[in-house]
Amino acid sequence: MLSVAGLEAGYRGSRVLNGLDLEVAEGTVAALLGRNGMGKTTLMRALMGLVTVSAGRIVFRGRDTAGLRPYTIAKLGIAYVPQGREIFADFTVEENLRLGLVGRPGGARRVPAAAYRHFPVLAERRGQRAGTLSGGEQQQLAIARALVGQPRLLLLDEPSEGIQPSIVLQIAASLKQIAAEEGLTVLLVEQNVEMVLSLAADCAFIENGRVAARHAAAELRGDAAILHRYLAV
């Protein structure tokens, strides 16, 4: 589904990604791990067209998306939940979700019942201003808003940030169920190893703007040395 080859990208002349290669198969949940500053968020932003690609290719479902504008990439079927969530605090839960319908195929304007089924707390809070929700509730809203547009690939950047552990695992369980039911492909950047191992099938470790290693999640459960090698400061 997603193929990244020789990708180079960065900010104002400072290169962050240095010939990165990555393959993500359709219907899988894959995780990107690595120390801070290694290029994980830059990769996510490059995939979404928010960072200029200076070299290499990004191919999504057979189409080269490098250089396309974010709204075009979104219409092709990629949704992005950035670090920090970026919900509209003054809008209600329902209004935030309706914004996720913009550009959806078929022009639907009603929030699908599945959004509330997968995240029941949003149904309870649908008329509440999003800025008054807890951090965990806001993260569920951000994910649901991305999903109502019916993407084929969901990009998640640090979804556990600032959220209590019990809610993190609840969100992971919901995502795993959604991916299984809908054949959704998920690419996840995450520091919370417990969440990664509960959700992802395989993990790529990024070092200095390149994928340095790739391991099945099951392998990591039995080998803490791998995690220490790529995550320890």
Protein backbone atom coordinates (compact mmCIF):
# COMPACT_ATOMS: atom_id res chain seq x y z
CA MET A 1 0.00 0.00 0.00
CA LEU A 2 2.71 2.48 0.99
CA SER A 3 6.24 2.44 -0.40
CA VAL A 4 8.88 4.99 0.56
CA ALA A 5 12.21 4.87 -1.23
CA GLY A 6 15.33 7.02 -0.78
CA LEU A 7 13.34 9.76 0.94
CA GLU A 8 15.14 12.97 1.83
CA ALA A 9 13.34 15.84 3.58
CA GLY A 10 13.93 18.47 6.24
CA TYR A 11 13.48 22.08 7.25
CA ARG A 12 15.11 25.25 5.84
CA GLY A 13 18.14 23.53 4.45
CA SER A 14 18.55 21.14 7.39
CA ARG A 15 18.05 17.59 6.18
CA VAL A 16 16.35 15.24 8.63
CA LEU A 17 15.49 12.22 6.48
CA ASN A 18 18.53 10.73 4.79
CA GLY A 19 17.49 8.25 2.13
CA LEU A 20 14.78 6.56 4.19
CA ASP A 21 13.16 3.37 2.86
CA LEU A 22 9.93 1.92 4.25
CA GLU A 23 7.21 -0.49 3.12
CA VAL A 24 3.81 -0.79 4.78
CA ALA A 25 1.52 -3.58 3.59
CA GLU A 26 -2.20 -3.00 3.20
CA GLY A 27 -4.31 -3.89 6.23
CA THR A 28 -1.40 -3.94 8.67
CA VAL A 29 -0.58 -1.87 11.74
CA ALA A 30 3.06 -0.79 11.75
CA ALA A 31 4.94 1.31 14.29
CA LEU A 32 7.87 3.70 13.99
CA LEU A 33 10.12 3.88 17.02
CA GLY A 34 13.33 5.71 17.82
CA ARG A 35 14.92 8.32 20.01
CA ASN A 36 13.80 11.92 19.83
CA GLY A 37 15.10 13.86 16.84
CA MET A 38 15.63 10.86 14.58
CA GLY A 39 13.03 11.86 11.97
CA LYS A 40 9.82 10.05 12.91
CA THR A 41 7.54 13.09 12.91
CA THR A 42 9.29 14.52 9.85
CA LEU A 43 8.48 11.32 8.00
CA MET A 44 4.81 11.54 8.98
CA ARG A 45 4.64 15.16 7.88
CA ALA A 46 6.39 14.34 4.60
CA LEU A 47 3.88 11.57 3.92
CA MET A 48 1.09 14.10 4.43
CA GLY A 49 2.70 16.75 2.20
CA LEU A 50 3.47 19.10 5.08
CA VAL A 51 7.24 18.91 4.59
CA THR A 52 8.96 19.41 1.24
CA VAL A 53 10.56 16.26 -0.15
CA SER A 54 13.93 17.00 -1.75
CA ALA A 55 14.61 13.50 -3.09
CA GLY A 56 13.11 10.03 -3.20
CA ARG A 57 9.63 8.66 -3.77
CA ILE A 58 6.44 8.16 -1.79
CA VAL A 59 4.03 5.79 -3.52
CA PHE A 60 0.57 5.27 -2.05
CA ARG A 61 -1.64 2.67 -3.71
CA GLY A 62 0.33 2.99 -6.92
CA ARG A 63 0.44 6.79 -7.07
CA ASP A 64 3.50 8.93 -6.41
CA THR A 65 2.39 11.49 -3.81
CA ALA A 66 5.69 13.32 -3.21
CA GLY A 67 5.10 17.00 -3.95
CA LEU A 68 1.30 16.82 -3.80
CA ARG A 69 -0.58 19.23 -1.54
CA PRO A 70 -1.99 17.92 1.77
CA TYR A 71 -5.64 18.19 0.71
CA THR A 72 -4.91 16.14 -2.42
CA ILE A 73 -3.16 13.49 -0.36
CA ALA A 74 -6.10 13.43 2.05
CA LYS A 75 -8.53 12.86 -0.83
CA LEU A 76 -6.42 9.92 -1.99
CA GLY A 77 -7.17 8.23 1.34
CA ILE A 78 -4.54 9.24 3.91
CA ALA A 79 -5.58 10.75 7.25
CA TYR A 80 -3.21 12.27 9.80
CA VAL A 81 -3.61 12.75 13.54
CA PRO A 82 -0.68 14.99 14.53
CA GLN A 83 1.11 15.16 17.83
CA GLY A 84 -0.94 17.48 20.02
CA ARG A 85 -4.24 16.41 18.39
CA GLU A 86 -5.18 19.89 17.00
CA ILE A 87 -8.91 19.61 17.65
CA PHE A 88 -11.04 22.77 17.45
CA ALA A 89 -11.47 23.67 21.10
CA ASP A 90 -14.43 26.04 20.66
CA PHE A 91 -16.38 23.61 18.49
CA THR A 92 -18.51 20.82 19.92
CA VAL A 93 -17.57 17.17 19.56
CA GLU A 94 -20.21 16.78 16.85
CA GLU A 95 -18.94 19.83 14.96
CA ASN A 96 -15.36 18.54 15.07
CA LEU A 97 -16.49 15.21 13.67
CA ARG A 98 -18.50 16.88 10.92
CA LEU A 99 -15.36 18.73 9.83
CA GLY A 100 -13.82 15.33 9.24
CA LEU A 101 -16.46 14.71 6.58
CA VAL A 102 -15.16 17.51 4.35
CA GLY A 103 -13.92 15.94 1.15
CA ARG A 104 -15.37 12.55 1.96
CA PRO A 105 -16.39 10.54 -1.12
CA GLY A 106 -20.12 10.89 -1.78
CA GLY A 107 -20.44 14.20 0.06
CA ALA A 108 -21.86 12.67 3.28
CA ARG A 109 -22.60 15.22 5.98
CA ARG A 110 -23.86 13.01 8.80
CA VAL A 111 -21.39 11.57 11.29
CA PRO A 112 -21.38 7.76 10.86
CA ALA A 113 -22.78 5.82 13.80
CA ALA A 114 -19.53 3.80 13.84
CA ALA A 115 -17.62 6.84 15.12
CA TYR A 116 -19.69 6.82 18.29
CA ARG A 117 -19.76 3.04 18.50
CA HIS A 118 -15.97 2.80 18.51
CA PHE A 119 -15.58 5.73 20.90
CA PRO A 120 -18.71 5.74 23.14
CA VAL A 121 -17.51 8.65 25.27
CA LEU A 122 -17.89 10.90 22.22
CA ALA A 123 -21.58 10.02 21.98
CA GLU A 124 -22.01 11.08 25.60
CA ARG A 125 -20.16 14.34 24.92
CA ARG A 126 -21.37 15.14 21.39
CA GLY A 127 -22.80 18.56 22.37
CA GLN A 128 -19.87 19.51 24.61
CA ARG A 129 -17.12 21.93 23.59
CA ALA A 130 -14.06 19.92 22.62
CA GLY A 131 -11.72 22.12 24.64
CA THR A 132 -13.41 20.99 27.87
CA LEU A 133 -12.69 17.29 27.23
CA SER A 134 -9.93 15.42 29.01
CA GLY A 135 -6.72 14.66 27.14
CA GLY A 136 -7.81 11.08 26.48
CA GLU A 137 -11.21 12.20 25.22
CA GLN A 138 -9.61 14.77 22.92
CA GLN A 139 -7.33 12.10 21.47
CA GLN A 140 -10.31 9.84 20.80
CA LEU A 141 -12.04 12.79 19.11
CA ALA A 142 -8.99 13.50 16.93
CA ILE A 143 -8.80 9.86 15.84
CA ALA A 144 -12.55 9.63 15.20
CA ARG A 145 -12.47 12.87 13.19
CA ALA A 146 -9.75 11.37 10.99
CA LEU A 147 -11.67 8.12 10.55
CA VAL A 148 -15.04 9.59 9.50
CA GLY A 149 -13.43 10.55 6.20
CA GLN A 150 -12.98 6.81 5.49
CA PRO A 151 -9.21 6.81 4.89
CA ARG A 152 -7.32 3.74 3.77
CA LEU A 153 -4.19 4.76 5.69
CA LEU A 154 -4.19 6.40 9.14
CA LEU A 155 -1.06 8.19 10.34
CA LEU A 156 -0.85 8.61 14.13
CA ASP A 157 1.85 10.68 15.81
CA GLU A 158 2.33 10.03 19.55
CA PRO A 159 -1.32 9.25 20.39
CA SER A 160 -0.47 8.33 24.00
CA GLU A 161 1.14 11.68 24.82
CA GLY A 162 -0.30 13.19 28.02
CA ILE A 163 -2.88 10.43 28.50
CA GLN A 164 -3.29 8.14 31.49
CA PRO A 165 -2.19 4.53 30.89
CA SER A 166 -5.65 2.93 31.17
CA ILE A 167 -7.02 5.23 28.45
CA VAL A 168 -3.98 4.58 26.25
CA LEU A 169 -4.69 0.86 26.24
CA GLN A 170 -8.38 1.51 25.65
CA ILE A 171 -7.55 3.61 22.58
CA ALA A 172 -5.15 0.90 21.37
CA ALA A 173 -7.88 -1.74 21.70
CA SER A 174 -10.34 0.42 19.76
CA LEU A 175 -7.83 1.04 16.98
CA LYS A 176 -7.00 -2.64 16.72
CA GLN A 177 -10.68 -3.49 16.40
CA ILE A 178 -11.29 -0.78 13.79
CA ALA A 179 -8.29 -1.88 11.73
CA ALA A 180 -9.45 -5.50 11.80
CA GLU A 181 -13.09 -4.71 10.94
CA GLU A 182 -12.42 -2.17 8.20
CA GLY A 183 -9.12 -3.36 6.76
CA LEU A 184 -7.57 -0.06 7.77
CA THR A 185 -3.81 0.36 7.47
CA VAL A 186 -2.19 2.22 10.37
CA LEU A 187 1.28 3.76 10.67
CA LEU A 188 2.01 4.77 14.24
CA VAL A 189 4.76 6.89 15.79
CA GLU A 190 4.85 6.12 19.48
CA GLN A 191 7.20 6.11 22.49
CA ASN A 192 4.87 4.03 24.65
CA VAL A 193 6.20 0.53 24.03
CA GLU A 194 3.26 -1.13 25.78
CA MET A 195 0.85 0.53 23.37
CA VAL A 196 2.99 -0.39 20.38
CA LEU A 197 3.21 -4.05 21.36
CA SER A 198 -0.53 -4.25 22.01
CA LEU A 199 -1.42 -2.74 18.63
CA ALA A 200 1.29 -3.12 15.99
CA ALA A 201 2.27 -6.23 14.06
CA ASP A 202 5.72 -4.97 13.19
CA CYS A 203 8.06 -2.13 14.17
CA ALA A 204 10.62 -0.08 12.28
CA PHE A 205 13.38 1.67 14.21
CA ILE A 206 14.57 5.02 12.85
CA GLU A 207 18.08 6.34 13.47
CA ASN A 208 19.51 9.48 11.89
CA GLY A 209 16.78 9.75 9.31
CA ARG A 210 16.89 6.15 8.11
CA VAL A 211 15.23 2.86 9.02
CA ALA A 212 17.99 1.08 10.89
CA ALA A 213 16.12 -2.13 11.72
CA ARG A 214 12.73 -3.76 11.48
CA HIS A 215 11.29 -6.43 13.78
CA ALA A 216 8.00 -8.21 14.34
CA ALA A 217 6.27 -7.04 17.52
CA ALA A 218 6.23 -10.63 18.77
CA GLU A 219 10.03 -10.70 18.53
CA LEU A 220 10.34 -7.54 20.62
CA ARG A 221 8.23 -8.99 23.42
CA GLY A 222 10.90 -11.56 24.05
CA ASP A 223 14.01 -9.46 23.41
CA ALA A 224 14.35 -6.29 25.49
CA ALA A 225 17.87 -5.82 24.14
CA ILE A 226 16.50 -4.67 20.78
CA LEU A 227 14.39 -1.98 22.42
CA HIS A 228 17.32 -0.88 24.54
CA ARG A 229 19.59 -0.65 21.52
CA TYR A 230 17.35 1.77 19.64
CA LEU A 231 15.46 3.58 22.39
CA ALA A 232 17.83 3.98 25.34
CA VAL A 233 19.37 7.43 25.76
